Structure formats: structure tokens, C-alpha cells
């Protein structure tokens, strides 16, 4: 994962400040968690995996994880 993040951010784009890097890292991790299908999760994205776990065992979670996902107005 470290190599994936490094190749997609630091090696590809020049940054003028740490704030720009932090903002881009945040966007990259959000996109990765919502779009990348992983073999270890049987072809699900990390977000889909968490939502499936919540529907099967909601008592393991303190809050509904679907409320933490980004919406169209964020």
C-alpha cells in the first residue's frame, strides 16, 4: 500500500507545501476506498466490505458507517 500511495502522489505530482500533499492524500485515499476492488476482500471495495459487515452484525459498530461516506454535496 505504501508503494501505491507513493507512486500515485509524490512521484507523480510536485507539491509546493505539505498542505497540498495532505489534501491530495486525503482525496486519493477516499477514491481508493470507494473504487478499488481488492482480492483479499473477495472483489469488494473497502467501503462495500464495511457496509456488508454492518448489515450482518450491526452491534459491532457504534454508528451506521453509511453516514460516514461522502455524498454528492460534500
N, C-alpha and C. Protein backbone atom coordinates (compact mmCIF):
# COMPACT_ATOMS: atom_id res chain seq x y z
N UNK A 1 0.83 -1.19 0.00
CA UNK A 1 0.00 0.00 0.00
C UNK A 1 0.87 1.25 0.00
N UNK A 2 1.97 1.24 0.74
CA UNK A 2 2.84 2.41 0.77
C UNK A 2 3.37 2.75 -0.62
N UNK A 3 3.73 1.73 -1.37
CA UNK A 3 4.23 1.97 -2.72
C UNK A 3 3.13 2.55 -3.62
N UNK A 4 1.93 2.03 -3.48
CA UNK A 4 0.80 2.53 -4.27
C UNK A 4 0.55 4.01 -4.01
N UNK A 5 0.54 4.38 -2.74
CA UNK A 5 0.31 5.78 -2.37
C UNK A 5 1.45 6.66 -2.87
N UNK A 6 2.66 6.21 -2.69
CA UNK A 6 3.82 7.00 -3.10
C UNK A 6 3.85 7.19 -4.62
N UNK A 7 3.57 6.13 -5.37
CA UNK A 7 3.56 6.23 -6.84
C UNK A 7 2.45 7.15 -7.33
N UNK A 8 1.31 7.15 -6.65
CA UNK A 8 0.17 7.95 -7.09
C UNK A 8 0.25 9.41 -6.66
N UNK A 9 1.11 9.72 -5.71
CA UNK A 9 1.15 11.09 -5.21
C UNK A 9 2.53 11.73 -5.40
N UNK A 10 3.46 11.39 -4.56
CA UNK A 10 4.75 12.08 -4.50
C UNK A 10 5.54 11.94 -5.80
N UNK A 11 5.54 10.75 -6.38
CA UNK A 11 6.32 10.55 -7.60
C UNK A 11 5.66 11.12 -8.84
N UNK A 12 4.38 11.43 -8.77
CA UNK A 12 3.66 11.90 -9.95
C UNK A 12 3.44 13.40 -9.98
N UNK A 13 3.27 14.03 -8.82
CA UNK A 13 2.94 15.46 -8.77
C UNK A 13 3.93 16.22 -7.89
N UNK A 14 4.34 17.39 -8.30
CA UNK A 14 5.15 18.24 -7.41
C UNK A 14 4.24 19.04 -6.47
N UNK A 15 4.64 19.19 -5.24
CA UNK A 15 3.84 19.92 -4.25
C UNK A 15 4.64 21.11 -3.75
N UNK A 16 3.95 22.22 -3.55
CA UNK A 16 4.60 23.42 -3.03
C UNK A 16 4.63 23.44 -1.51
N UNK A 17 3.70 22.70 -0.89
CA UNK A 17 3.65 22.70 0.58
C UNK A 17 3.12 21.35 1.07
N UNK A 18 3.26 21.15 2.36
CA UNK A 18 2.73 19.94 2.97
C UNK A 18 1.21 19.92 2.95
N UNK A 19 0.60 21.10 3.00
CA UNK A 19 -0.86 21.16 2.96
C UNK A 19 -1.40 20.64 1.64
N UNK A 20 -0.74 20.95 0.54
CA UNK A 20 -1.17 20.42 -0.76
C UNK A 20 -1.05 18.89 -0.79
N UNK A 21 0.04 18.37 -0.24
CA UNK A 21 0.23 16.92 -0.19
C UNK A 21 -0.84 16.27 0.68
N UNK A 22 -1.13 16.85 1.84
CA UNK A 22 -2.17 16.30 2.72
C UNK A 22 -3.53 16.28 2.04
N UNK A 23 -3.86 17.35 1.34
CA UNK A 23 -5.15 17.41 0.65
C UNK A 23 -5.23 16.36 -0.45
N UNK A 24 -4.15 16.19 -1.20
CA UNK A 24 -4.15 15.20 -2.27
C UNK A 24 -4.19 13.78 -1.69
N UNK A 25 -3.49 13.52 -0.59
CA UNK A 25 -3.54 12.21 0.05
C UNK A 25 -4.94 11.88 0.52
N UNK A 26 -5.62 12.86 1.09
CA UNK A 26 -6.99 12.65 1.55
C UNK A 26 -7.90 12.26 0.38
N UNK A 27 -7.79 12.98 -0.72
CA UNK A 27 -8.59 12.67 -1.91
C UNK A 27 -8.25 11.30 -2.48
N UNK A 28 -6.96 10.96 -2.51
CA UNK A 28 -6.54 9.67 -3.04
C UNK A 28 -7.08 8.51 -2.20
N UNK A 29 -6.97 8.62 -0.88
CA UNK A 29 -7.45 7.54 0.00
C UNK A 29 -8.96 7.39 -0.11
N UNK A 30 -9.70 8.48 -0.19
CA UNK A 30 -11.15 8.40 -0.38
C UNK A 30 -11.50 7.71 -1.69
N UNK A 31 -10.83 8.09 -2.75
CA UNK A 31 -11.10 7.46 -4.05
C UNK A 31 -10.74 5.98 -4.02
N UNK A 32 -9.63 5.64 -3.40
CA UNK A 32 -9.18 4.25 -3.32
C UNK A 32 -10.20 3.41 -2.54
N UNK A 33 -10.67 3.92 -1.42
CA UNK A 33 -11.60 3.17 -0.58
C UNK A 33 -12.97 2.97 -1.23
N UNK A 34 -13.34 3.86 -2.12
CA UNK A 34 -14.65 3.76 -2.75
C UNK A 34 -14.63 3.12 -4.13
N UNK A 35 -13.45 2.97 -4.74
CA UNK A 35 -13.41 2.49 -6.12
C UNK A 35 -12.57 1.24 -6.32
N UNK A 36 -11.55 1.02 -5.54
CA UNK A 36 -10.62 -0.09 -5.79
C UNK A 36 -11.17 -1.39 -5.23
N UNK A 37 -11.34 -2.38 -6.09
CA UNK A 37 -11.79 -3.70 -5.66
C UNK A 37 -10.56 -4.53 -5.30
N UNK A 38 -10.61 -5.17 -4.13
CA UNK A 38 -9.45 -5.88 -3.62
C UNK A 38 -9.69 -7.39 -3.57
N UNK A 39 -8.69 -8.15 -3.96
CA UNK A 39 -8.79 -9.62 -3.94
C UNK A 39 -9.00 -10.14 -2.53
N UNK A 40 -8.33 -9.54 -1.55
CA UNK A 40 -8.43 -10.02 -0.17
C UNK A 40 -9.83 -9.83 0.40
N UNK A 41 -10.60 -8.92 -0.18
CA UNK A 41 -11.98 -8.69 0.27
C UNK A 41 -12.99 -9.34 -0.67
N UNK A 42 -12.51 -10.33 -1.44
CA UNK A 42 -13.34 -11.09 -2.40
C UNK A 42 -13.98 -10.19 -3.44
N UNK A 43 -13.22 -9.24 -3.95
CA UNK A 43 -13.68 -8.39 -5.03
C UNK A 43 -14.51 -7.19 -4.61
N UNK A 44 -14.62 -6.95 -3.32
CA UNK A 44 -15.37 -5.78 -2.84
C UNK A 44 -14.42 -4.61 -2.60
N UNK A 45 -14.98 -3.42 -2.64
CA UNK A 45 -14.20 -2.25 -2.23
C UNK A 45 -14.19 -2.23 -0.70
N UNK A 46 -13.24 -1.54 -0.07
CA UNK A 46 -13.24 -1.46 1.39
C UNK A 46 -14.56 -0.91 1.95
N UNK A 47 -15.13 0.05 1.27
CA UNK A 47 -16.41 0.61 1.73
C UNK A 47 -17.53 -0.42 1.66
N UNK A 48 -17.61 -1.16 0.56
CA UNK A 48 -18.64 -2.20 0.43
C UNK A 48 -18.46 -3.27 1.49
N UNK A 49 -17.22 -3.63 1.78
CA UNK A 49 -16.95 -4.66 2.78
C UNK A 49 -17.44 -4.22 4.16
N UNK A 50 -17.17 -2.97 4.52
CA UNK A 50 -17.60 -2.46 5.82
C UNK A 50 -19.13 -2.40 5.90
N UNK A 51 -19.77 -1.95 4.83
CA UNK A 51 -21.24 -1.88 4.85
C UNK A 51 -21.86 -3.27 4.92
N UNK A 52 -21.27 -4.25 4.25
CA UNK A 52 -21.77 -5.63 4.35
C UNK A 52 -21.61 -6.17 5.77
N UNK A 53 -20.47 -5.89 6.39
CA UNK A 53 -20.24 -6.33 7.76
C UNK A 53 -21.25 -5.67 8.70
N UNK A 54 -21.56 -4.41 8.45
CA UNK A 54 -22.52 -3.71 9.30
C UNK A 54 -23.93 -4.30 9.17
N UNK A 55 -24.32 -4.68 7.96
CA UNK A 55 -25.66 -5.26 7.79
C UNK A 55 -25.77 -6.62 8.45
N UNK A 56 -24.67 -7.38 8.50
CA UNK A 56 -24.69 -8.71 9.13
C UNK A 56 -24.59 -8.61 10.65
N UNK A 57 -23.76 -7.71 11.17
CA UNK A 57 -23.54 -7.58 12.61
C UNK A 57 -23.52 -6.11 13.02
N UNK A 58 -24.68 -5.45 13.08
CA UNK A 58 -24.70 -4.02 13.40
C UNK A 58 -24.26 -3.70 14.84
N UNK A 59 -24.33 -4.68 15.75
CA UNK A 59 -23.95 -4.40 17.14
C UNK A 59 -22.43 -4.23 17.30
N UNK A 60 -21.63 -4.60 16.31
CA UNK A 60 -20.19 -4.42 16.37
C UNK A 60 -19.77 -2.98 16.09
N UNK A 61 -20.70 -2.17 15.57
CA UNK A 61 -20.39 -0.80 15.19
C UNK A 61 -21.09 0.17 16.14
N UNK A 62 -20.43 1.27 16.44
CA UNK A 62 -21.02 2.29 17.30
C UNK A 62 -22.04 3.14 16.57
N UNK A 63 -21.77 3.40 15.28
CA UNK A 63 -22.69 4.20 14.47
C UNK A 63 -22.83 3.54 13.10
N UNK A 64 -23.80 3.98 12.35
CA UNK A 64 -24.02 3.47 11.00
C UNK A 64 -22.90 3.97 10.10
N UNK A 65 -22.07 3.06 9.53
CA UNK A 65 -20.95 3.51 8.70
C UNK A 65 -21.36 4.17 7.39
N UNK A 66 -22.58 3.97 6.95
CA UNK A 66 -23.01 4.63 5.72
C UNK A 66 -23.14 6.14 5.91
N UNK A 67 -23.26 6.59 7.15
CA UNK A 67 -23.33 8.03 7.41
C UNK A 67 -21.97 8.69 7.27
N UNK A 68 -20.89 7.90 7.27
CA UNK A 68 -19.55 8.45 7.17
C UNK A 68 -19.07 8.60 5.74
N UNK A 69 -19.81 8.04 4.79
CA UNK A 69 -19.38 8.14 3.39
C UNK A 69 -19.72 9.51 2.82
N UNK A 70 -18.96 9.88 1.81
CA UNK A 70 -19.16 11.18 1.20
C UNK A 70 -20.39 11.17 0.31
N UNK A 71 -21.09 12.26 0.31
CA UNK A 71 -22.28 12.38 -0.51
C UNK A 71 -22.03 13.30 -1.69
N UNK A 72 -23.05 13.52 -2.50
CA UNK A 72 -22.86 14.34 -3.70
C UNK A 72 -22.66 15.83 -3.38
N UNK A 73 -22.97 16.26 -2.17
CA UNK A 73 -22.88 17.69 -1.85
C UNK A 73 -21.69 18.01 -0.95
N UNK A 74 -20.69 17.11 -0.86
CA UNK A 74 -19.55 17.37 0.01
C UNK A 74 -18.34 17.76 -0.80
